[in-house]
PDB file of N, CA and C in Angstrom:
ATOM      1  N   MET A   1     -15.468  34.028 -14.161  1.00  0.00           N
ATOM      2  CA  MET A   1     -16.384  33.789 -15.269  1.00  0.00           C
ATOM      3  C   MET A   1     -16.818  32.320 -15.226  1.00  0.00           C
ATOM      4  N   ASN A   2     -18.124  32.121 -15.318  1.00  0.00           N
ATOM      5  CA  ASN A   2     -18.668  30.778 -15.392  1.00  0.00           C
ATOM      6  C   ASN A   2     -18.201  30.131 -16.693  1.00  0.00           C
ATOM      7  N   LYS A   3     -17.729  28.904 -16.632  1.00  0.00           N
ATOM      8  CA  LYS A   3     -17.215  28.244 -17.830  1.00  0.00           C
ATOM      9  C   LYS A   3     -18.263  27.403 -18.524  1.00  0.00           C
ATOM     10  N   GLN A   4     -19.435  27.293 -17.948  1.00  0.00           N
ATOM     11  CA  GLN A   4     -20.473  26.443 -18.496  1.00  0.00           C
ATOM     12  C   GLN A   4     -21.657  27.291 -18.964  1.00  0.00           C
ATOM     13  N   ILE A   5     -22.250  26.898 -20.067  1.00  0.00           N
ATOM     14  CA  ILE A   5     -23.495  27.510 -20.520  1.00  0.00           C
ATOM     15  C   ILE A   5     -24.613  26.937 -19.663  1.00  0.00           C
ATOM     16  N   ILE A   6     -25.517  27.804 -19.240  1.00  0.00           N
ATOM     17  CA  ILE A   6     -26.681  27.369 -18.466  1.00  0.00           C
ATOM     18  C   ILE A   6     -27.925  27.760 -19.240  1.00  0.00           C
ATOM     19  N   MET A   7     -28.792  26.773 -19.488  1.00  0.00           N
ATOM     20  CA  MET A   7     -30.053  27.050 -20.167  1.00  0.00           C
ATOM     21  C   MET A   7     -31.204  26.731 -19.232  1.00  0.00           C
ATOM     22  N   TYR A   8     -32.060  27.722 -19.043  1.00  0.00           N
ATOM     23  CA  TYR A   8     -33.288  27.551 -18.273  1.00  0.00           C
ATOM     24  C   TYR A   8     -34.409  27.321 -19.269  1.00  0.00           C
ATOM     25  N   GLY A   9     -35.167  26.248 -19.074  1.00  0.00           N
ATOM     26  CA  GLY A   9     -36.213  25.947 -20.036  1.00  0.00           C
ATOM     27  C   GLY A   9     -37.195  24.918 -19.524  1.00  0.00           C
ATOM     28  N   ALA A  10     -37.963  24.359 -20.468  1.00  0.00           N
ATOM     29  CA  ALA A  10     -38.971  23.349 -20.153  1.00  0.00           C
ATOM     30  C   ALA A  10     -39.087  22.386 -21.328  1.00  0.00           C
ATOM     31  N   GLU A  11     -39.460  21.160 -21.025  1.00  0.00           N
ATOM     32  CA  GLU A  11     -39.555  20.136 -22.064  1.00  0.00           C
ATOM     33  C   GLU A  11     -40.628  20.454 -23.100  1.00  0.00           C
ATOM     34  N   TRP A  12     -41.677  21.147 -22.727  1.00  0.00           N
ATOM     35  CA  TRP A  12     -42.783  21.451 -23.640  1.00  0.00           C
ATOM     36  C   TRP A  12     -42.492  22.649 -24.548  1.00  0.00           C
ATOM     37  N   CYS A  13     -41.387  23.311 -24.333  1.00  0.00           N
ATOM     38  CA  CYS A  13     -41.058  24.570 -25.016  1.00  0.00           C
ATOM     39  C   CYS A  13     -40.353  24.307 -26.347  1.00  0.00           C
ATOM     40  N   GLY A  14     -40.983  24.709 -27.446  1.00  0.00           N
ATOM     41  CA  GLY A  14     -40.397  24.526 -28.772  1.00  0.00           C
ATOM     42  C   GLY A  14     -39.092  25.273 -28.955  1.00  0.00           C
ATOM     43  N   ASP A  15     -39.010  26.496 -28.440  1.00  0.00           N
ATOM     44  CA  ASP A  15     -37.762  27.263 -28.554  1.00  0.00           C
ATOM     45  C   ASP A  15     -36.636  26.587 -27.776  1.00  0.00           C
ATOM     46  N   CYS A  16     -36.988  25.944 -26.656  1.00  0.00           N
ATOM     47  CA  CYS A  16     -35.986  25.211 -25.876  1.00  0.00           C
ATOM     48  C   CYS A  16     -35.490  24.008 -26.660  1.00  0.00           C
ATOM     49  N   GLN A  17     -36.397  23.327 -27.341  1.00  0.00           N
ATOM     50  CA  GLN A  17     -36.016  22.169 -28.149  1.00  0.00           C
ATOM     51  C   GLN A  17     -35.065  22.591 -29.269  1.00  0.00           C
ATOM     52  N   ARG A  18     -35.328  23.747 -29.870  1.00  0.00           N
ATOM     53  CA  ARG A  18     -34.435  24.249 -30.922  1.00  0.00           C
ATOM     54  C   ARG A  18     -33.045  24.528 -30.351  1.00  0.00           C
ATOM     55  N   ALA A  19     -32.974  25.188 -29.201  1.00  0.00           N
ATOM     56  CA  ALA A  19     -31.676  25.492 -28.594  1.00  0.00           C
ATOM     57  C   ALA A  19     -30.939  24.200 -28.238  1.00  0.00           C
ATOM     58  N   LYS A  20     -31.650  23.223 -27.691  1.00  0.00           N
ATOM     59  CA  LYS A  20     -31.029  21.943 -27.363  1.00  0.00           C
ATOM     60  C   LYS A  20     -30.482  21.274 -28.628  1.00  0.00           C
ATOM     61  N   ALA A  21     -31.212  21.384 -29.728  1.00  0.00           N
ATOM     62  CA  ALA A  21     -30.761  20.795 -30.996  1.00  0.00           C
ATOM     63  C   ALA A  21     -29.487  21.476 -31.496  1.00  0.00           C
ATOM     64  N   VAL A  22     -29.393  22.796 -31.339  1.00  0.00           N
ATOM     65  CA  VAL A  22     -28.178  23.523 -31.734  1.00  0.00           C
ATOM     66  C   VAL A  22     -26.999  23.038 -30.899  1.00  0.00           C
ATOM     67  N   PHE A  23     -27.194  22.941 -29.595  1.00  0.00           N
ATOM     68  CA  PHE A  23     -26.108  22.471 -28.733  1.00  0.00           C
ATOM     69  C   PHE A  23     -25.687  21.055 -29.125  1.00  0.00           C
ATOM     70  N   ALA A  24     -26.656  20.206 -29.432  1.00  0.00           N
ATOM     71  CA  ALA A  24     -26.343  18.828 -29.838  1.00  0.00           C
ATOM     72  C   ALA A  24     -25.605  18.804 -31.178  1.00  0.00           C
ATOM     73  N   GLU A  25     -26.064  19.634 -32.116  1.00  0.00           N
ATOM     74  CA  GLU A  25     -25.445  19.685 -33.448  1.00  0.00           C
ATOM     75  C   GLU A  25     -23.951  19.978 -33.371  1.00  0.00           C
ATOM     76  N   PHE A  26     -23.570  20.861 -32.452  1.00  0.00           N
ATOM     77  CA  PHE A  26     -22.180  21.287 -32.356  1.00  0.00           C
ATOM     78  C   PHE A  26     -21.435  20.658 -31.172  1.00  0.00           C
ATOM     79  N   GLY A  27     -22.078  19.724 -30.481  1.00  0.00           N
ATOM     80  CA  GLY A  27     -21.420  19.044 -29.369  1.00  0.00           C
ATOM     81  C   GLY A  27     -21.104  19.958 -28.204  1.00  0.00           C
ATOM     82  N   ILE A  28     -21.984  20.915 -27.948  1.00  0.00           N
ATOM     83  CA  ILE A  28     -21.776  21.893 -26.874  1.00  0.00           C
ATOM     84  C   ILE A  28     -22.354  21.351 -25.575  1.00  0.00           C
ATOM     85  N   ASN A  29     -21.538  21.305 -24.542  1.00  0.00           N
ATOM     86  CA  ASN A  29     -22.020  20.922 -23.215  1.00  0.00           C
ATOM     87  C   ASN A  29     -22.667  22.124 -22.547  1.00  0.00           C
ATOM     88  N   TYR A  30     -23.732  21.855 -21.818  1.00  0.00           N
ATOM     89  CA  TYR A  30     -24.434  22.922 -21.109  1.00  0.00           C
ATOM     90  C   TYR A  30     -25.201  22.312 -19.948  1.00  0.00           C
ATOM     91  N   ASP A  31     -25.488  23.139 -18.970  1.00  0.00           N
ATOM     92  CA  ASP A  31     -26.358  22.736 -17.866  1.00  0.00           C
ATOM     93  C   ASP A  31     -27.776  23.111 -18.251  1.00  0.00           C
ATOM     94  N   TYR A  32     -28.706  22.198 -18.045  1.00  0.00           N
ATOM     95  CA  TYR A  32     -30.104  22.431 -18.395  1.00  0.00           C
ATOM     96  C   TYR A  32     -30.915  22.421 -17.113  1.00  0.00           C
ATOM     97  N   ILE A  33     -31.526  23.543 -16.822  1.00  0.00           N
ATOM     98  CA  ILE A  33     -32.322  23.668 -15.613  1.00  0.00           C
ATOM     99  C   ILE A  33     -33.778  23.860 -16.020  1.00  0.00           C
ATOM    100  N   ILE A  34     -34.604  22.907 -15.634  1.00  0.00           N
ATOM    101  CA  ILE A  34     -36.024  22.954 -15.961  1.00  0.00           C
ATOM    102  C   ILE A  34     -36.721  23.893 -14.984  1.00  0.00           C
ATOM    103  N   THR A  35     -37.488  24.816 -15.524  1.00  0.00           N
ATOM    104  CA  THR A  35     -38.157  25.814 -14.690  1.00  0.00           C
ATOM    105  C   THR A  35     -39.506  25.338 -14.156  1.00  0.00           C
ATOM    106  N   ASP A  36     -40.114  24.341 -14.818  1.00  0.00           N
ATOM    107  CA  ASP A  36     -41.401  23.823 -14.333  1.00  0.00           C
ATOM    108  C   ASP A  36     -41.252  23.286 -12.918  1.00  0.00           C
ATOM    109  N   ASN A  37     -42.155  23.705 -12.043  1.00  0.00           N
ATOM    110  CA  ASN A  37     -42.154  23.259 -10.641  1.00  0.00           C
ATOM    111  C   ASN A  37     -40.829  23.534  -9.945  1.00  0.00           C
ATOM    112  N   ASN A  38     -40.147  24.595 -10.381  1.00  0.00           N
ATOM    113  CA  ASN A  38     -38.867  24.979  -9.795  1.00  0.00           C
ATOM    114  C   ASN A  38     -38.911  26.481  -9.516  1.00  0.00           C
ATOM    115  N   PRO A  39     -39.476  26.862  -8.361  1.00  0.00           N
ATOM    116  CA  PRO A  39     -39.658  28.284  -8.065  1.00  0.00           C
ATOM    117  C   PRO A  39     -38.370  29.101  -8.091  1.00  0.00           C
ATOM    118  N   GLU A  40     -37.270  28.516  -7.649  1.00  0.00           N
ATOM    119  CA  GLU A  40     -36.009  29.260  -7.631  1.00  0.00           C
ATOM    120  C   GLU A  40     -35.539  29.562  -9.049  1.00  0.00           C
ATOM    121  N   ALA A  41     -35.641  28.578  -9.936  1.00  0.00           N
ATOM    122  CA  ALA A  41     -35.236  28.801 -11.326  1.00  0.00           C
ATOM    123  C   ALA A  41     -36.165  29.799 -12.005  1.00  0.00           C
ATOM    124  N   THR A  42     -37.464  29.669 -11.756  1.00  0.00           N
ATOM    125  CA  THR A  42     -38.430  30.603 -12.340  1.00  0.00           C
ATOM    126  C   THR A  42     -38.163  32.019 -11.858  1.00  0.00           C
ATOM    127  N   GLU A  43     -37.869  32.172 -10.589  1.00  0.00           N
ATOM    128  CA  GLU A  43     -37.563  33.493 -10.036  1.00  0.00           C
ATOM    129  C   GLU A  43     -36.319  34.091 -10.692  1.00  0.00           C
ATOM    130  N   LEU A  44     -35.295  33.282 -10.907  1.00  0.00           N
ATOM    131  CA  LEU A  44     -34.080  33.774 -11.555  1.00  0.00           C
ATOM    132  C   LEU A  44     -34.370  34.192 -12.993  1.00  0.00           C
ATOM    133  N   VAL A  45     -35.130  33.376 -13.724  1.00  0.00           N
ATOM    134  CA  VAL A  45     -35.500  33.724 -15.098  1.00  0.00           C
ATOM    135  C   VAL A  45     -36.256  35.045 -15.116  1.00  0.00           C
ATOM    136  N   MET A  46     -37.174  35.225 -14.191  1.00  0.00           N
ATOM    137  CA  MET A  46     -37.934  36.482 -14.129  1.00  0.00           C
ATOM    138  C   MET A  46     -37.012  37.660 -13.823  1.00  0.00           C
ATOM    139  N   LYS A  47     -36.044  37.452 -12.951  1.00  0.00           N
ATOM    140  CA  LYS A  47     -35.093  38.516 -12.619  1.00  0.00           C
ATOM    141  C   LYS A  47     -34.267  38.902 -13.849  1.00  0.00           C
ATOM    142  N   LEU A  48     -33.840  37.899 -14.613  1.00  0.00           N
ATOM    143  CA  LEU A  48     -33.030  38.159 -15.800  1.00  0.00           C
ATOM    144  C   LEU A  48     -33.824  38.774 -16.939  1.00  0.00           C
ATOM    145  N   ASN A  49     -35.163  38.593 -16.916  1.00  0.00           N
ATOM    146  CA  ASN A  49     -36.018  39.034 -18.016  1.00  0.00           C
ATOM    147  C   ASN A  49     -37.038  40.095 -17.608  1.00  0.00           C
ATOM    148  N   ASN A  50     -36.667  40.936 -16.677  1.00  0.00           N
ATOM    149  CA  ASN A  50     -37.534  42.048 -16.271  1.00  0.00           C
ATOM    150  C   ASN A  50     -38.946  41.602 -15.926  1.00  0.00           C
ATOM    151  N   GLY A  51     -39.052  40.506 -15.170  1.00  0.00           N
ATOM    152  CA  GLY A  51     -40.342  40.031 -14.695  1.00  0.00           C
ATOM    153  C   GLY A  51     -41.019  39.023 -15.608  1.00  0.00           C
ATOM    154  N   ASN A  52     -40.449  38.746 -16.762  1.00  0.00           N
ATOM    155  CA  ASN A  52     -41.043  37.787 -17.695  1.00  0.00           C
ATOM    156  C   ASN A  52     -40.461  36.393 -17.479  1.00  0.00           C
ATOM    157  N   THR A  53     -41.267  35.377 -17.759  1.00  0.00           N
ATOM    158  CA  THR A  53     -40.814  33.997 -17.608  1.00  0.00           C
ATOM    159  C   THR A  53     -40.431  33.398 -18.960  1.00  0.00           C
ATOM    160  N   SER A  54     -39.835  34.187 -19.809  1.00  0.00           N
ATOM    161  CA  SER A  54     -39.468  33.762 -21.162  1.00  0.00           C
ATOM    162  C   SER A  54     -38.377  32.698 -21.130  1.00  0.00           C
ATOM    163  N   ILE A  55     -38.623  31.628 -21.883  1.00  0.00           N
ATOM    164  CA  ILE A  55     -37.643  30.553 -21.998  1.00  0.00           C
ATOM    165  C   ILE A  55     -37.522  30.140 -23.454  1.00  0.00           C
ATOM    166  N   PRO A  56     -36.374  29.657 -23.865  1.00  0.00           N
ATOM    167  CA  PRO A  56     -35.213  29.464 -23.017  1.00  0.00           C
ATOM    168  C   PRO A  56     -34.518  30.786 -22.702  1.00  0.00           C
ATOM    169  N   THR A  57     -33.997  30.837 -21.514  1.00  0.00           N
ATOM    170  CA  THR A  57     -33.071  31.896 -21.126  1.00  0.00           C
ATOM    171  C   THR A  57     -31.725  31.214 -21.000  1.00  0.00           C
ATOM    172  N   ILE A  58     -30.775  31.669 -21.789  1.00  0.00           N
ATOM    173  CA  ILE A  58     -29.462  31.036 -21.846  1.00  0.00           C
ATOM    174  C   ILE A  58     -28.414  32.011 -21.328  1.00  0.00           C
ATOM    175  N   VAL A  59     -27.653  31.561 -20.333  1.00  0.00           N
ATOM    176  CA  VAL A  59     -26.583  32.363 -19.744  1.00  0.00           C
ATOM    177  C   VAL A  59     -25.262  31.769 -20.215  1.00  0.00           C
ATOM    178  N   PHE A  60     -24.425  32.616 -20.810  1.00  0.00           N
ATOM    179  CA  PHE A  60     -23.169  32.180 -21.408  1.00  0.00           C
ATOM    180  C   PHE A  60     -21.985  32.436 -20.476  1.00  0.00           C
ATOM    181  N   PRO A  61     -20.843  31.817 -20.756  1.00  0.00           N
ATOM    182  CA  PRO A  61     -19.663  31.995 -19.900  1.00  0.00           C
ATOM    183  C   PRO A  61     -19.223  33.445 -19.724  1.00  0.00           C
ATOM    184  N   ASP A  62     -19.551  34.310 -20.695  1.00  0.00           N
ATOM    185  CA  ASP A  62     -19.186  35.727 -20.563  1.00  0.00           C
ATOM    186  C   ASP A  62     -20.257  36.524 -19.824  1.00  0.00           C
ATOM    187  N   ASN A  63     -21.217  35.813 -19.215  1.00  0.00           N
ATOM    188  CA  ASN A  63     -22.337  36.389 -18.452  1.00  0.00           C
ATOM    189  C   ASN A  63     -23.353  37.117 -19.317  1.00  0.00           C
ATOM    190  N   SER A  64     -23.254  36.989 -20.634  1.00  0.00           N
ATOM    191  CA  SER A  64     -24.300  37.538 -21.496  1.00  0.00           C
ATOM    192  C   SER A  64     -25.470  36.555 -21.500  1.00  0.00           C
ATOM    193  N   ILE A  65     -26.613  37.059 -21.965  1.00  0.00           N
ATOM    194  CA  ILE A  65     -27.847  36.277 -21.931  1.00  0.00           C
ATOM    195  C   ILE A  65     -28.537  36.374 -23.281  1.00  0.00           C
ATOM    196  N   GLN A  66     -29.092  35.249 -23.711  1.00  0.00           N
ATOM    197  CA  GLN A  66     -29.997  35.257 -24.854  1.00  0.00           C
ATOM    198  C   GLN A  66     -31.322  34.662 -24.394  1.00  0.00           C
ATOM    199  N   VAL A  67     -32.395  35.254 -24.892  1.00  0.00           N
ATOM    200  CA  VAL A  67     -33.735  34.791 -24.566  1.00  0.00           C
ATOM    201  C   VAL A  67     -34.437  34.442 -25.867  1.00  0.00           C
ATOM    202  N   GLU A  68     -34.916  33.208 -25.937  1.00  0.00           N
ATOM    203  CA  GLU A  68     -35.612  32.721 -27.126  1.00  0.00           C
ATOM    204  C   GLU A  68     -34.830  33.012 -28.411  1.00  0.00           C
ATOM    205  N   PRO A  69     -33.543  32.660 -28.446  1.00  0.00           N
ATOM    206  CA  PRO A  69     -32.752  32.982 -29.645  1.00  0.00           C
ATOM    207  C   PRO A  69     -33.155  32.115 -30.839  1.00  0.00           C
ATOM    208  N   SER A  70     -33.022  32.692 -32.011  1.00  0.00           N
ATOM    209  CA  SER A  70     -33.198  31.931 -33.241  1.00  0.00           C
ATOM    210  C   SER A  70     -31.963  31.044 -33.427  1.00  0.00           C
ATOM    211  N   TYR A  71     -32.031  30.149 -34.390  1.00  0.00           N
ATOM    212  CA  TYR A  71     -30.886  29.302 -34.720  1.00  0.00           C
ATOM    213  C   TYR A  71     -29.674  30.173 -35.037  1.00  0.00           C
ATOM    214  N   ASP A  72     -29.865  31.168 -35.902  1.00  0.00           N
ATOM    215  CA  ASP A  72     -28.747  32.028 -36.303  1.00  0.00           C
ATOM    216  C   ASP A  72     -28.201  32.836 -35.135  1.00  0.00           C
ATOM    217  N   GLU A  73     -29.080  33.367 -34.296  1.00  0.00           N
ATOM    218  CA  GLU A  73     -28.617  34.145 -33.138  1.00  0.00           C
ATOM    219  C   GLU A  73     -27.777  33.278 -32.205  1.00  0.00           C
ATOM    220  N   LEU A  74     -28.245  32.061 -31.965  1.00  0.00           N
ATOM    221  CA  LEU A  74     -27.523  31.183 -31.051  1.00  0.00           C
ATOM    222  C   LEU A  74     -26.199  30.730 -31.656  1.00  0.00           C
ATOM    223  N   THR A  75     -26.194  30.346 -32.920  1.00  0.00           N
ATOM    224  CA  THR A  75     -24.924  29.919 -33.530  1.00  0.00           C
ATOM    225  C   THR A  75     -23.940  31.076 -33.635  1.00  0.00           C
ATOM    226  N   ASP A  76     -24.437  32.283 -33.919  1.00  0.00           N
ATOM    227  CA  ASP A  76     -23.543  33.447 -33.953  1.00  0.00           C
ATOM    228  C   ASP A  76     -22.903  33.680 -32.589  1.00  0.00           C
ATOM    229  N   LYS A  77     -23.686  33.517 -31.528  1.00  0.00           N
ATOM    230  CA  LYS A  77     -23.152  33.699 -30.176  1.00  0.00           C
ATOM    231  C   LYS A  77     -22.099  32.638 -29.877  1.00  0.00           C
ATOM    232  N   LEU A  78     -22.380  31.393 -30.232  1.00  0.00           N
ATOM    233  CA  LEU A  78     -21.406  30.326 -29.992  1.00  0.00           C
ATOM    234  C   LEU A  78     -20.115  30.569 -30.775  1.00  0.00           C
ATOM    235  N   LYS A  79     -20.251  31.088 -31.994  1.00  0.00           N
ATOM    236  CA  LYS A  79     -19.063  31.438 -32.783  1.00  0.00           C
ATOM    237  C   LYS A  79     -18.279  32.557 -32.111  1.00  0.00           C
ATOM    238  N   SER A  80     -18.993  33.564 -31.599  1.00  0.00           N
ATOM    239  CA  SER A  80     -18.308  34.694 -30.963  1.00  0.00           C
ATOM    240  C   SER A  80     -17.547  34.272 -29.719  1.00  0.00           C
ATOM    241  N   LEU A  81     -18.004  33.202 -29.093  1.00  0.00           N
ATOM    242  CA  LEU A  81     -17.322  32.660 -27.917  1.00  0.00           C
ATOM    243  C   LEU A  81     -16.269  31.624 -28.299  1.00  0.00           C
ATOM    244  N   GLN A  82     -16.111  31.416 -29.608  1.00  0.00           N
ATOM    245  CA  GLN A  82     -15.158  30.462 -30.172  1.00  0.00           C
ATOM    246  C   GLN A  82     -15.432  29.041 -29.670  1.00  0.00           C
ATOM    247  N   LEU A  83     -16.726  28.725 -29.551  1.00  0.00           N
ATOM    248  CA  LEU A  83     -17.136  27.388 -29.153  1.00  0.00           C
ATOM    249  C   LEU A  83     -17.448  26.506 -30.351  1.00  0.00           C
ATOM    250  N   ILE A  84     -17.635  27.141 -31.512  1.00  0.00           N
ATOM    251  CA  ILE A  84     -17.824  26.396 -32.762  1.00  0.00           C
ATOM    252  C   ILE A  84     -17.027  27.077 -33.863  1.00  0.00           C
TER     253      ILE A  84
END
């Protein structure tokens, strides 16, 4: 099991900024992979999202995925993983 949260996103993405703010609020470490001009990351995001380039795509240590989560969805997931 991967022990690190991985977020695929872009600096211009409002939903990505919200997810980054949640991680900052709770002191959560994560890897941030920018998909702009990154064909490999974009391809992986598309694979995880049935051909869509939806961001943020967040991969959790339990291998579950959230796409464009709301504040509540993301905090609930972090709670379920006992990270907050």
